[in-house]
Amino acid sequence: MASCLPAEAHYGRLRHACDKAGSRLAFWLLDDPYEFDANIKAGAVADAIFVSDRWSSWHYIAPCPVVHLPMAASPEAHFRPVTRRGGPAVFFCGVSFDNRNRLLRDLKPLLETRHTVVLGGGWDTGALPFARNLRVGNETLPLYYNSSDLVLNVGRRLNLANRNIGLAPSTPGPRTFEAAMGGAAQAFFVEGLEIEDYYEAGKEVLLFDTVRDFAAIVERMADEPDFSLSVGRAAQARTQAEHTYAHRAATVLDVLALSGEAPRARVGEAVKALS
């Protein structure tokens, strides 16, 4: 759904329409924790709330079920066969948030020795000569994921309405699943280990939190050309099996069915049985 931040984002009429039609009203909030303070609007009218960030989901106070539901990937939009690479040795796409800029500056001495491509917006191309301020369309981005030996995965930091509690994100963002569906071998910068709930470390995703660890991944990619393909294929298979939007939609329907049959006080127990 769209952001709850705008002043005109009020849902009383939507609640009334659902009641009149005998429909259930659910929200899937995709921008927590960055917009957590504004999302209280949804709790006042929803039959169920789905939150893409796990840590944020634990902080909701609402009279309806609140369920953690990470984002996912689309086979139609993101799948590409994993046959060969031939593109950049290291690829990253995203806006230059402070945390990303600091990490790439730390990695710069290594990245300059490889065919590195960084695309997005707000980059200091003088300090990071391998970066370009170029937006990449959704049709083109999976091709970069699929052709690169290694795709760098670094989360964002951009709080728009997150002052009351100051939550930190825990769940990997959508590009983690999209890149995996595209067959990418991802080097995931670790700020928490929830990533291992979705992908197996060392087989389906490669984890690092130091320059030394990242250098070891890059060296292995160079020494073992098939390693990138192996990781990419394993990540893609896991995504197809567990992390498509069809899987997420099934969870939504299950929760709504349960919330319609049981008192709200008991729904939380039923939801846990689904996870």
C-alpha atoms as a PDB file:
ATOM      1  CA  MET A   1       0.000   0.000   0.000  1.00  0.00           C
ATOM      2  CA  ALA A   2       0.993   3.657  -0.259  1.00  0.00           C
ATOM      3  CA  SER A   3       2.524   5.670   2.551  1.00  0.00           C
ATOM      4  CA  CYS A   4       0.456   6.715   5.582  1.00  0.00           C
ATOM      5  CA  LEU A   5       2.556   9.878   5.882  1.00  0.00           C
ATOM      6  CA  PRO A   6       0.470  12.343   3.819  1.00  0.00           C
ATOM      7  CA  ALA A   7      -1.958  14.458   5.835  1.00  0.00           C
ATOM      8  CA  GLU A   8      -4.810  13.309   3.592  1.00  0.00           C
ATOM      9  CA  ALA A   9      -4.088   9.616   4.357  1.00  0.00           C
ATOM     10  CA  HIS A  10      -7.177   8.945   6.459  1.00  0.00           C
ATOM     11  CA  TYR A  11      -9.023   5.674   6.166  1.00  0.00           C
ATOM     12  CA  GLY A  12     -12.401   6.168   7.818  1.00  0.00           C
ATOM     13  CA  ARG A  13     -14.236   6.153   4.498  1.00  0.00           C
ATOM     14  CA  LEU A  14     -12.382   3.042   3.415  1.00  0.00           C
ATOM     15  CA  ARG A  15     -13.373   1.309   6.667  1.00  0.00           C
ATOM     16  CA  HIS A  16     -16.971   2.348   6.115  1.00  0.00           C
ATOM     17  CA  ALA A  17     -16.955   1.023   2.539  1.00  0.00           C
ATOM     18  CA  CYS A  18     -15.518  -2.318   3.660  1.00  0.00           C
ATOM     19  CA  ASP A  19     -18.145  -2.639   6.387  1.00  0.00           C
ATOM     20  CA  LYS A  20     -20.901  -1.833   3.921  1.00  0.00           C
ATOM     21  CA  ALA A  21     -19.610  -4.465   1.487  1.00  0.00           C
ATOM     22  CA  GLY A  22     -18.884  -7.053   4.172  1.00  0.00           C
ATOM     23  CA  SER A  23     -15.189  -7.014   3.286  1.00  0.00           C
ATOM     24  CA  ARG A  24     -12.063  -7.278   5.424  1.00  0.00           C
ATOM     25  CA  LEU A  25      -9.582  -4.415   5.506  1.00  0.00           C
ATOM     26  CA  ALA A  26      -5.867  -5.206   5.721  1.00  0.00           C
ATOM     27  CA  PHE A  27      -2.784  -3.007   5.373  1.00  0.00           C
ATOM     28  CA  TRP A  28       0.645  -4.180   4.257  1.00  0.00           C
ATOM     29  CA  LEU A  29       3.000  -1.473   5.537  1.00  0.00           C
ATOM     30  CA  LEU A  30       6.201  -1.480   3.526  1.00  0.00           C
ATOM     31  CA  ASP A  31       8.182   1.457   4.911  1.00  0.00           C
ATOM     32  CA  ASP A  32       8.787   0.594   8.555  1.00  0.00           C
ATOM     33  CA  PRO A  33      10.620   1.547  10.602  1.00  0.00           C
ATOM     34  CA  TYR A  34      11.181   4.706   8.559  1.00  0.00           C
ATOM     35  CA  GLU A  35       7.492   5.742   8.755  1.00  0.00           C
ATOM     36  CA  PHE A  36       6.517   3.935  11.968  1.00  0.00           C
ATOM     37  CA  ASP A  37       5.073   6.987  13.729  1.00  0.00           C
ATOM     38  CA  ALA A  38       2.577   7.640  10.908  1.00  0.00           C
ATOM     39  CA  ASN A  39       1.356   4.082  10.578  1.00  0.00           C
ATOM     40  CA  ILE A  40      -0.794   4.306  13.708  1.00  0.00           C
ATOM     41  CA  LYS A  41      -3.479   5.532  11.304  1.00  0.00           C
ATOM     42  CA  ALA A  42      -3.832   2.011   9.930  1.00  0.00           C
ATOM     43  CA  GLY A  43      -4.217   0.387  13.326  1.00  0.00           C
ATOM     44  CA  ALA A  44      -7.376   2.345  14.060  1.00  0.00           C
ATOM     45  CA  VAL A  45      -9.341   0.835  11.178  1.00  0.00           C
ATOM     46  CA  ALA A  46      -7.686  -2.409  10.061  1.00  0.00           C
ATOM     47  CA  ASP A  47      -8.795  -6.008  10.499  1.00  0.00           C
ATOM     48  CA  ALA A  48      -5.136  -7.000  10.165  1.00  0.00           C
ATOM     49  CA  ILE A  49      -1.825  -5.230   9.693  1.00  0.00           C
ATOM     50  CA  PHE A  50       1.125  -6.759   7.874  1.00  0.00           C
ATOM     51  CA  VAL A  51       4.518  -5.167   8.455  1.00  0.00           C
ATOM     52  CA  SER A  52       7.521  -5.766   6.215  1.00  0.00           C
ATOM     53  CA  ASP A  53      10.009  -5.185   9.062  1.00  0.00           C
ATOM     54  CA  ARG A  54      10.026  -7.743  11.905  1.00  0.00           C
ATOM     55  CA  TRP A  55      11.443  -5.519  14.656  1.00  0.00           C
ATOM     56  CA  SER A  56       8.872  -2.837  13.865  1.00  0.00           C
ATOM     57  CA  SER A  57       6.014  -5.346  13.935  1.00  0.00           C
ATOM     58  CA  TRP A  58       6.751  -6.121  17.584  1.00  0.00           C
ATOM     59  CA  HIS A  59       6.156  -2.478  18.571  1.00  0.00           C
ATOM     60  CA  TYR A  60       2.642  -2.010  17.242  1.00  0.00           C
ATOM     61  CA  ILE A  61      -0.182  -1.523  19.708  1.00  0.00           C
ATOM     62  CA  ALA A  62      -3.366  -2.271  17.789  1.00  0.00           C
ATOM     63  CA  PRO A  63      -6.687  -4.081  18.387  1.00  0.00           C
ATOM     64  CA  CYS A  64      -6.077  -6.325  15.380  1.00  0.00           C
ATOM     65  CA  PRO A  65      -3.475  -8.940  14.414  1.00  0.00           C
ATOM     66  CA  VAL A  66      -0.080  -7.484  13.506  1.00  0.00           C
ATOM     67  CA  VAL A  67       1.920  -9.902  11.390  1.00  0.00           C
ATOM     68  CA  HIS A  68       5.466  -9.698  10.095  1.00  0.00           C
ATOM     69  CA  LEU A  69       5.408 -10.181   6.317  1.00  0.00           C
ATOM     70  CA  PRO A  70       8.675  -9.488   4.499  1.00  0.00           C
ATOM     71  CA  MET A  71       8.677  -8.312   0.943  1.00  0.00           C
ATOM     72  CA  ALA A  72       9.412 -10.731  -1.876  1.00  0.00           C
ATOM     73  CA  ALA A  73      10.126 -11.073  -5.598  1.00  0.00           C
ATOM     74  CA  SER A  74       8.157 -11.623  -8.781  1.00  0.00           C
ATOM     75  CA  PRO A  75       9.101 -14.480 -11.113  1.00  0.00           C
ATOM     76  CA  GLU A  76       7.689 -12.500 -14.022  1.00  0.00           C
ATOM     77  CA  ALA A  77       9.576  -9.279 -13.261  1.00  0.00           C
ATOM     78  CA  HIS A  78      12.832 -10.470 -11.681  1.00  0.00           C
ATOM     79  CA  PHE A  79      13.693 -13.996 -12.841  1.00  0.00           C
ATOM     80  CA  ARG A  80      16.612 -14.407 -15.237  1.00  0.00           C
ATOM     81  CA  PRO A  81      18.263 -17.764 -16.095  1.00  0.00           C
ATOM     82  CA  VAL A  82      21.638 -18.224 -14.418  1.00  0.00           C
ATOM     83  CA  THR A  83      23.939 -19.309 -17.221  1.00  0.00           C
ATOM     84  CA  ARG A  84      26.975 -17.013 -17.200  1.00  0.00           C
ATOM     85  CA  ARG A  85      28.129 -13.673 -15.823  1.00  0.00           C
ATOM     86  CA  GLY A  86      30.262 -11.439 -18.032  1.00  0.00           C
ATOM     87  CA  GLY A  87      29.272  -8.159 -16.371  1.00  0.00           C
ATOM     88  CA  PRO A  88      30.825  -6.177 -13.505  1.00  0.00           C
ATOM     89  CA  ALA A  89      32.904  -7.956 -10.897  1.00  0.00           C
ATOM     90  CA  VAL A  90      31.037  -5.966  -8.208  1.00  0.00           C
ATOM     91  CA  PHE A  91      27.731  -4.189  -8.670  1.00  0.00           C
ATOM     92  CA  PHE A  92      25.615  -1.986  -6.428  1.00  0.00           C
ATOM     93  CA  CYS A  93      22.520   0.048  -7.179  1.00  0.00           C
ATOM     94  CA  GLY A  94      20.945   2.486  -4.748  1.00  0.00           C
ATOM     95  CA  VAL A  95      20.804   5.997  -3.356  1.00  0.00           C
ATOM     96  CA  SER A  96      23.867   7.288  -1.525  1.00  0.00           C
ATOM     97  CA  PHE A  97      22.599   7.261   2.048  1.00  0.00           C
ATOM     98  CA  ASP A  98      25.239   8.046   4.678  1.00  0.00           C
ATOM     99  CA  ASN A  99      25.704   4.445   5.795  1.00  0.00           C
ATOM    100  CA  ARG A 100      26.196   3.255   2.220  1.00  0.00           C
ATOM    101  CA  ASN A 101      28.593   6.066   1.416  1.00  0.00           C
ATOM    102  CA  ARG A 102      30.738   5.264   4.459  1.00  0.00           C
ATOM    103  CA  LEU A 103      30.907   1.577   3.569  1.00  0.00           C
ATOM    104  CA  LEU A 104      31.844   2.158  -0.060  1.00  0.00           C
ATOM    105  CA  ARG A 105      34.569   4.577   0.990  1.00  0.00           C
ATOM    106  CA  ASP A 106      35.954   1.878   3.286  1.00  0.00           C
ATOM    107  CA  LEU A 107      35.843  -0.636   0.431  1.00  0.00           C
ATOM    108  CA  LYS A 108      37.197   1.809  -2.151  1.00  0.00           C
ATOM    109  CA  PRO A 109      40.839   0.570  -2.234  1.00  0.00           C
ATOM    110  CA  LEU A 110      39.612  -2.921  -3.105  1.00  0.00           C
ATOM    111  CA  LEU A 111      36.773  -1.866  -5.413  1.00  0.00           C
ATOM    112  CA  GLU A 112      39.154   0.250  -7.494  1.00  0.00           C
ATOM    113  CA  THR A 113      41.129  -2.877  -8.368  1.00  0.00           C
ATOM    114  CA  ARG A 114      38.037  -4.597  -9.813  1.00  0.00           C
ATOM    115  CA  HIS A 115      35.481  -3.825 -12.458  1.00  0.00           C
ATOM    116  CA  THR A 116      33.070  -2.121 -10.071  1.00  0.00           C
ATOM    117  CA  VAL A 117      29.856  -0.417 -11.101  1.00  0.00           C
ATOM    118  CA  VAL A 118      27.789   1.645  -8.636  1.00  0.00           C
ATOM    119  CA  LEU A 119      24.614   3.263  -9.951  1.00  0.00           C
ATOM    120  CA  GLY A 120      21.950   5.360  -8.279  1.00  0.00           C
ATOM    121  CA  GLY A 121      21.646   8.911  -7.038  1.00  0.00           C
ATOM    122  CA  GLY A 122      23.544  11.331  -4.814  1.00  0.00           C
ATOM    123  CA  TRP A 123      26.976   9.740  -5.186  1.00  0.00           C
ATOM    124  CA  ASP A 124      30.170  11.775  -4.952  1.00  0.00           C
ATOM    125  CA  THR A 125      31.677  10.536  -8.194  1.00  0.00           C
ATOM    126  CA  GLY A 126      34.921  12.348  -7.490  1.00  0.00           C
ATOM    127  CA  ALA A 127      35.510  10.406  -4.278  1.00  0.00           C
ATOM    128  CA  LEU A 128      34.078   7.182  -5.745  1.00  0.00           C
ATOM    129  CA  PRO A 129      35.130   7.134  -9.415  1.00  0.00           C
ATOM    130  CA  PHE A 130      33.351   3.831 -10.082  1.00  0.00           C
ATOM    131  CA  ALA A 131      29.980   5.427  -9.161  1.00  0.00           C
ATOM    132  CA  ARG A 132      27.560   7.066 -11.578  1.00  0.00           C
ATOM    133  CA  ASN A 133      24.450   9.063 -10.775  1.00  0.00           C
ATOM    134  CA  LEU A 134      22.238   7.094 -13.095  1.00  0.00           C
ATOM    135  CA  ARG A 135      18.800   5.707 -12.333  1.00  0.00           C
ATOM    136  CA  VAL A 136      18.202   2.153 -13.507  1.00  0.00           C
ATOM    137  CA  GLY A 137      14.758   1.030 -14.671  1.00  0.00           C
ATOM    138  CA  ASN A 138      13.032  -2.000 -13.203  1.00  0.00           C
ATOM    139  CA  GLU A 139      13.421  -3.906 -16.460  1.00  0.00           C
ATOM    140  CA  THR A 140      17.174  -3.297 -16.634  1.00  0.00           C
ATOM    141  CA  LEU A 141      18.110  -3.854 -12.998  1.00  0.00           C
ATOM    142  CA  PRO A 142      17.615  -7.675 -13.026  1.00  0.00           C
ATOM    143  CA  LEU A 143      20.055  -7.855 -15.941  1.00  0.00           C
ATOM    144  CA  TYR A 144      22.740  -6.224 -13.800  1.00  0.00           C
ATOM    145  CA  TYR A 145      21.945  -8.602 -10.942  1.00  0.00           C
ATOM    146  CA  ASN A 146      22.182 -11.572 -13.259  1.00  0.00           C
ATOM    147  CA  SER A 147      25.356 -10.601 -15.112  1.00  0.00           C
ATOM    148  CA  SER A 148      27.490  -9.382 -12.177  1.00  0.00           C
ATOM    149  CA  ASP A 149      29.885 -11.705 -10.367  1.00  0.00           C
ATOM    150  CA  LEU A 150      28.932 -10.154  -7.025  1.00  0.00           C
ATOM    151  CA  VAL A 151      26.059  -7.901  -6.021  1.00  0.00           C
ATOM    152  CA  LEU A 152      26.653  -5.743  -2.956  1.00  0.00           C
ATOM    153  CA  ASN A 153      23.667  -5.527  -0.598  1.00  0.00           C
ATOM    154  CA  VAL A 154      23.614  -2.629   1.892  1.00  0.00           C
ATOM    155  CA  GLY A 155      20.413  -1.476   3.601  1.00  0.00           C
ATOM    156  CA  ARG A 156      19.213   2.102   3.728  1.00  0.00           C
ATOM    157  CA  ARG A 157      18.897   4.659   6.523  1.00  0.00           C
ATOM    158  CA  LEU A 158      16.273   7.318   5.879  1.00  0.00           C
ATOM    159  CA  ASN A 159      13.892   8.049   8.741  1.00  0.00           C
ATOM    160  CA  LEU A 160      10.861  10.122   7.775  1.00  0.00           C
ATOM    161  CA  ALA A 161       8.659   9.444  10.815  1.00  0.00           C
ATOM    162  CA  ASN A 162      10.575   7.329  13.303  1.00  0.00           C
ATOM    163  CA  ARG A 163      11.178   9.592  16.296  1.00  0.00           C
ATOM    164  CA  ASN A 164       8.936   8.184  19.016  1.00  0.00           C
ATOM    165  CA  ILE A 165      10.921   4.970  19.517  1.00  0.00           C
ATOM    166  CA  GLY A 166      13.760   5.310  17.034  1.00  0.00           C
ATOM    167  CA  LEU A 167      13.548   1.779  15.678  1.00  0.00           C
ATOM    168  CA  ALA A 168      16.312   0.204  13.630  1.00  0.00           C
ATOM    169  CA  PRO A 169      15.347  -2.021  10.683  1.00  0.00           C
ATOM    170  CA  SER A 170      15.869  -5.767  10.981  1.00  0.00           C
ATOM    171  CA  THR A 171      14.375  -7.359   7.861  1.00  0.00           C
ATOM    172  CA  PRO A 172      16.214  -7.287   4.504  1.00  0.00           C
ATOM    173  CA  GLY A 173      14.616  -4.995   1.956  1.00  0.00           C
ATOM    174  CA  PRO A 174      12.885  -6.033  -1.262  1.00  0.00           C
ATOM    175  CA  ARG A 175      16.005  -5.897  -3.423  1.00  0.00           C
ATOM    176  CA  THR A 176      17.447  -8.800  -1.447  1.00  0.00           C
ATOM    177  CA  PHE A 177      14.670 -11.028  -2.762  1.00  0.00           C
ATOM    178  CA  GLU A 178      14.579  -9.430  -6.210  1.00  0.00           C
ATOM    179  CA  ALA A 179      18.316  -9.870  -6.746  1.00  0.00           C
ATOM    180  CA  ALA A 180      18.111 -13.461  -5.557  1.00  0.00           C
ATOM    181  CA  MET A 181      15.274 -14.153  -7.997  1.00  0.00           C
ATOM    182  CA  GLY A 182      17.524 -12.723 -10.710  1.00  0.00           C
ATOM    183  CA  GLY A 183      20.212 -15.242  -9.790  1.00  0.00           C
ATOM    184  CA  ALA A 184      22.604 -12.831  -8.102  1.00  0.00           C
ATOM    185  CA  ALA A 185      25.395 -13.885  -5.784  1.00  0.00           C
ATOM    186  CA  GLN A 186      24.941 -11.301  -3.031  1.00  0.00           C
ATOM    187  CA  ALA A 187      27.485 -10.000  -0.557  1.00  0.00           C
ATOM    188  CA  PHE A 188      25.192  -8.905   2.268  1.00  0.00           C
ATOM    189  CA  PHE A 189      26.508  -6.357   4.774  1.00  0.00           C
ATOM    190  CA  VAL A 190      25.497  -7.768   8.150  1.00  0.00           C
ATOM    191  CA  GLU A 191      23.830  -5.534  10.716  1.00  0.00           C
ATOM    192  CA  GLY A 192      21.684  -8.355  12.087  1.00  0.00           C
ATOM    193  CA  LEU A 193      21.264 -12.056  11.420  1.00  0.00           C
ATOM    194  CA  GLU A 194      17.634 -12.112  10.333  1.00  0.00           C
ATOM    195  CA  ILE A 195      18.921 -12.594   6.783  1.00  0.00           C
ATOM    196  CA  GLU A 196      19.608 -16.215   7.747  1.00  0.00           C
ATOM    197  CA  ASP A 197      15.866 -16.793   8.194  1.00  0.00           C
ATOM    198  CA  TYR A 198      15.516 -16.356   4.438  1.00  0.00           C
ATOM    199  CA  TYR A 199      18.794 -17.540   2.903  1.00  0.00           C
ATOM    200  CA  GLU A 200      21.522 -19.941   3.992  1.00  0.00           C
ATOM    201  CA  ALA A 201      24.804 -18.159   4.677  1.00  0.00           C
ATOM    202  CA  GLY A 202      27.690 -19.356   2.532  1.00  0.00           C
ATOM    203  CA  LYS A 203      25.414 -21.192   0.117  1.00  0.00           C
ATOM    204  CA  GLU A 204      22.611 -18.809  -0.875  1.00  0.00           C
ATOM    205  CA  VAL A 205      24.024 -15.514   0.385  1.00  0.00           C
ATOM    206  CA  LEU A 206      27.499 -14.343   1.399  1.00  0.00           C
ATOM    207  CA  LEU A 207      27.775 -12.364   4.629  1.00  0.00           C
ATOM    208  CA  PHE A 208      30.413  -9.812   5.630  1.00  0.00           C
ATOM    209  CA  ASP A 209      30.868  -7.073   8.196  1.00  0.00           C
ATOM    210  CA  THR A 210      34.531  -6.136   7.694  1.00  0.00           C
ATOM    211  CA  VAL A 211      36.678  -5.074   4.759  1.00  0.00           C
ATOM    212  CA  ARG A 212      38.720  -8.246   5.234  1.00  0.00           C
ATOM    213  CA  ASP A 213      35.644 -10.464   4.948  1.00  0.00           C
ATOM    214  CA  PHE A 214      34.511  -8.668   1.808  1.00  0.00           C
ATOM    215  CA  ALA A 215      37.974  -8.981   0.275  1.00  0.00           C
ATOM    216  CA  ALA A 216      37.900 -12.725   0.904  1.00  0.00           C
ATOM    217  CA  ILE A 217      34.576 -12.999  -0.945  1.00  0.00           C
ATOM    218  CA  VAL A 218      35.887 -11.021  -3.900  1.00  0.00           C
ATOM    219  CA  GLU A 219      39.050 -13.120  -4.058  1.00  0.00           C
ATOM    220  CA  ARG A 220      37.058 -16.345  -4.027  1.00  0.00           C
ATOM    221  CA  MET A 221      34.903 -15.064  -6.871  1.00  0.00           C
ATOM    222  CA  ALA A 222      38.052 -14.442  -8.895  1.00  0.00           C
ATOM    223  CA  ASP A 223      39.651 -17.787  -8.022  1.00  0.00           C
ATOM    224  CA  GLU A 224      36.509 -19.915  -8.486  1.00  0.00           C
ATOM    225  CA  PRO A 225      34.516 -18.674 -11.495  1.00  0.00           C
ATOM    226  CA  ASP A 226      31.703 -21.161 -10.885  1.00  0.00           C
ATOM    227  CA  PHE A 227      31.211 -20.039  -7.264  1.00  0.00           C
ATOM    228  CA  SER A 228      29.172 -16.997  -8.268  1.00  0.00           C
ATOM    229  CA  LEU A 229      26.877 -19.129 -10.421  1.00  0.00           C
ATOM    230  CA  SER A 230      26.468 -21.710  -7.654  1.00  0.00           C
ATOM    231  CA  VAL A 231      25.413 -19.111  -5.071  1.00  0.00           C
ATOM    232  CA  GLY A 232      23.123 -17.385  -7.551  1.00  0.00           C
ATOM    233  CA  ARG A 233      21.351 -20.578  -8.544  1.00  0.00           C
ATOM    234  CA  ALA A 234      20.858 -21.643  -4.941  1.00  0.00           C
ATOM    235  CA  ALA A 235      19.466 -18.220  -3.984  1.00  0.00           C
ATOM    236  CA  GLN A 236      17.149 -18.238  -6.968  1.00  0.00           C
ATOM    237  CA  ALA A 237      15.794 -21.695  -6.144  1.00  0.00           C
ATOM    238  CA  ARG A 238      15.153 -20.674  -2.520  1.00  0.00           C
ATOM    239  CA  THR A 239      13.348 -17.549  -3.664  1.00  0.00           C
ATOM    240  CA  GLN A 240      11.145 -19.464  -6.074  1.00  0.00           C
ATOM    241  CA  ALA A 241      10.289 -21.958  -3.329  1.00  0.00           C
ATOM    242  CA  GLU A 242       9.592 -19.514  -0.474  1.00  0.00           C
ATOM    243  CA  HIS A 243       9.813 -15.819  -1.324  1.00  0.00           C
ATOM    244  CA  THR A 244       7.421 -14.888  -4.112  1.00  0.00           C
ATOM    245  CA  TYR A 245       4.476 -12.538  -3.771  1.00  0.00           C
ATOM    246  CA  ALA A 246       2.209 -15.552  -4.235  1.00  0.00           C
ATOM    247  CA  HIS A 247       3.644 -16.935  -0.981  1.00  0.00           C
ATOM    248  CA  ARG A 248       3.031 -13.625   0.773  1.00  0.00           C
ATOM    249  CA  ALA A 249      -0.530 -13.381  -0.560  1.00  0.00           C
ATOM    250  CA  ALA A 250      -1.281 -16.859   0.784  1.00  0.00           C
ATOM    251  CA  THR A 251      -0.196 -15.709   4.254  1.00  0.00           C
ATOM    252  CA  VAL A 252      -2.435 -12.649   4.037  1.00  0.00           C
ATOM    253  CA  LEU A 253      -5.446 -14.771   3.106  1.00  0.00           C
ATOM    254  CA  ASP A 254      -4.742 -17.273   5.882  1.00  0.00           C
ATOM    255  CA  VAL A 255      -4.495 -14.543   8.515  1.00  0.00           C
ATOM    256  CA  LEU A 256      -7.666 -12.796   7.326  1.00  0.00           C
ATOM    257  CA  ALA A 257      -9.540 -16.086   7.399  1.00  0.00           C
ATOM    258  CA  LEU A 258      -8.401 -16.732  10.958  1.00  0.00           C
ATOM    259  CA  SER A 259      -9.202 -13.233  12.119  1.00  0.00           C
ATOM    260  CA  GLY A 260     -12.706 -13.632  10.751  1.00  0.00           C
ATOM    261  CA  GLU A 261     -13.361 -16.865  12.610  1.00  0.00           C
ATOM    262  CA  ALA A 262     -11.756 -16.219  16.014  1.00  0.00           C
ATOM    263  CA  PRO A 263     -11.965 -13.480  18.628  1.00  0.00           C
ATOM    264  CA  ARG A 264      -9.170 -10.963  18.153  1.00  0.00           C
ATOM    265  CA  ALA A 265      -7.585 -11.903  21.460  1.00  0.00           C
ATOM    266  CA  ARG A 266      -7.003 -15.430  20.118  1.00  0.00           C
ATOM    267  CA  VAL A 267      -5.835 -14.539  16.622  1.00  0.00           C
ATOM    268  CA  GLY A 268      -2.251 -13.918  17.738  1.00  0.00           C
ATOM    269  CA  GLU A 269      -1.933 -17.546  18.773  1.00  0.00           C
ATOM    270  CA  ALA A 270      -3.295 -18.702  15.430  1.00  0.00           C
ATOM    271  CA  VAL A 271      -0.930 -16.443  13.530  1.00  0.00           C
ATOM    272  CA  LYS A 272       2.064 -17.913  15.339  1.00  0.00           C
ATOM    273  CA  ALA A 273       1.001 -21.346  14.144  1.00  0.00           C
ATOM    274  CA  LEU A 274       1.245 -20.098  10.550  1.00  0.00           C
ATOM    275  CA  SER A 275       4.814 -18.848  10.877  1.00  0.00           C
END
